[in-house]
Every structure is written in structure tokens, then in C-alpha cells.
Amino acid sequence: MMARDRVMDDWLHQQVGPAYDALKANPSLAACADQVRSHLAAEHAKFIGAGPADRRFTKPPQPAHQTPHPSAPDRAG
């Protein structure tokens, strides 16, 4: 249980906190509810239509105006 709590605490401090701070500083980085619904519907349709071995989720597309969060691992630097 303590290991899981430590992992959760690390995730909150390393991922959730910085993401929250970035959205608070620049709300235009957030996806709107319609974008989220559309992405989830497309992923669900792919998942349902695919065979069990092909059920893989993809990274959601970012809006054209959105820049990746500074802590994103695929950031060019």
C-alpha cells in the first residue's frame, strides 16, 4: 500500500500539479468538452471495430493553437 501511495504522490507532484499550473496560466491549452467527446467516440469506435489484438489507443490530437506542455517527453529541445 505504501508503494502505491508513493507512486500516486509522485504522479500528483510531477504530472498533475504542473499540468494544472500550465492550464491555470494559459486556459487556451485545454481541450473543450466537444473535442474530448469526439476523441473518445473515435477511440471507442476503433476499439469496438478492432479485433482483440488490435485494440490500442492513440494519443489524442492537439488543437492547432495548443503547444505541448513543457514537461512533455516528446518536446523538441
Protein backbone atom coordinates (compact mmCIF):
# COMPACT_ATOMS: atom_id res chain seq x y z
CA MET A 1 0.00 0.00 0.00
CA MET A 2 2.80 2.43 0.83
CA ALA A 3 4.45 1.88 -2.57
CA ARG A 4 1.18 2.67 -4.33
CA ASP A 5 0.75 5.82 -2.23
CA ARG A 6 4.28 6.90 -3.11
CA VAL A 7 3.62 6.36 -6.82
CA MET A 8 0.37 8.33 -6.56
CA ASP A 9 2.09 11.15 -4.71
CA ASP A 10 4.91 11.29 -7.28
CA TRP A 11 2.36 11.36 -10.12
CA LEU A 12 0.44 14.20 -8.48
CA HIS A 13 3.57 16.29 -7.95
CA GLN A 14 5.30 15.51 -11.26
CA GLN A 15 2.36 15.34 -13.68
CA VAL A 16 -0.89 16.71 -12.29
CA GLY A 17 0.48 19.76 -10.49
CA PRO A 18 2.49 21.10 -13.46
CA ALA A 19 -0.42 20.42 -15.85
CA TYR A 20 -2.80 22.28 -13.54
CA ASP A 21 -0.39 25.20 -13.25
CA ALA A 22 0.02 25.36 -17.05
CA LEU A 23 -3.75 25.38 -17.60
CA LYS A 24 -4.23 27.98 -14.89
CA ALA A 25 -1.63 30.21 -16.57
CA ASN A 26 -2.96 29.61 -20.10
CA PRO A 27 -6.53 28.23 -20.25
CA SER A 28 -6.41 28.08 -24.06
CA LEU A 29 -4.26 24.94 -23.70
CA ALA A 30 -7.29 22.96 -22.55
CA ALA A 31 -9.42 20.87 -24.87
CA CYS A 32 -13.11 21.70 -24.90
CA ALA A 33 -15.72 19.11 -23.96
CA ASP A 34 -16.72 18.60 -27.61
CA GLN A 35 -13.11 17.81 -28.55
CA VAL A 36 -12.85 15.29 -25.72
CA ARG A 37 -16.17 13.65 -26.62
CA SER A 38 -15.22 13.45 -30.28
CA HIS A 39 -11.86 11.87 -29.49
CA LEU A 40 -13.39 9.37 -27.06
CA ALA A 41 -16.10 8.43 -29.57
CA ALA A 42 -13.50 7.83 -32.29
CA GLU A 43 -11.33 5.74 -29.95
CA HIS A 44 -14.36 3.75 -28.82
CA ALA A 45 -15.39 3.07 -32.41
CA LYS A 46 -11.87 1.88 -33.26
CA PHE A 47 -11.78 -0.28 -30.14
CA ILE A 48 -15.15 -1.89 -30.81
CA GLY A 49 -14.40 -2.46 -34.50
CA ALA A 50 -10.94 -3.89 -33.93
CA GLY A 51 -10.06 -7.43 -33.04
CA PRO A 52 -8.72 -8.07 -29.52
CA ALA A 53 -5.06 -7.96 -30.66
CA ASP A 54 -5.58 -4.62 -32.43
CA ARG A 55 -7.17 -2.73 -29.53
CA ARG A 56 -4.67 0.04 -28.99
CA PHE A 57 -5.42 3.63 -28.05
CA THR A 58 -3.74 6.56 -29.72
CA LYS A 59 -2.61 9.87 -28.33
CA PRO A 60 -5.37 12.49 -28.70
CA PRO A 61 -4.70 15.17 -31.31
CA GLN A 62 -3.76 18.59 -30.00
CA PRO A 63 -5.68 21.64 -31.22
CA ALA A 64 -3.72 23.75 -33.71
CA HIS A 65 -3.36 26.60 -31.18
CA GLN A 66 -2.08 24.32 -28.42
CA THR A 67 1.57 23.95 -27.60
CA PRO A 68 2.78 20.87 -25.74
CA HIS A 69 3.27 21.18 -22.01
CA PRO A 70 6.93 21.89 -21.12
CA SER A 71 7.21 18.56 -19.28
CA ALA A 72 6.02 16.56 -22.30
CA PRO A 73 8.61 13.88 -23.15
CA ASP A 74 8.43 14.40 -26.93
CA ARG A 75 9.30 18.10 -26.66
CA ALA A 76 11.98 19.26 -29.09
CA GLY A 77 14.75 20.95 -27.27
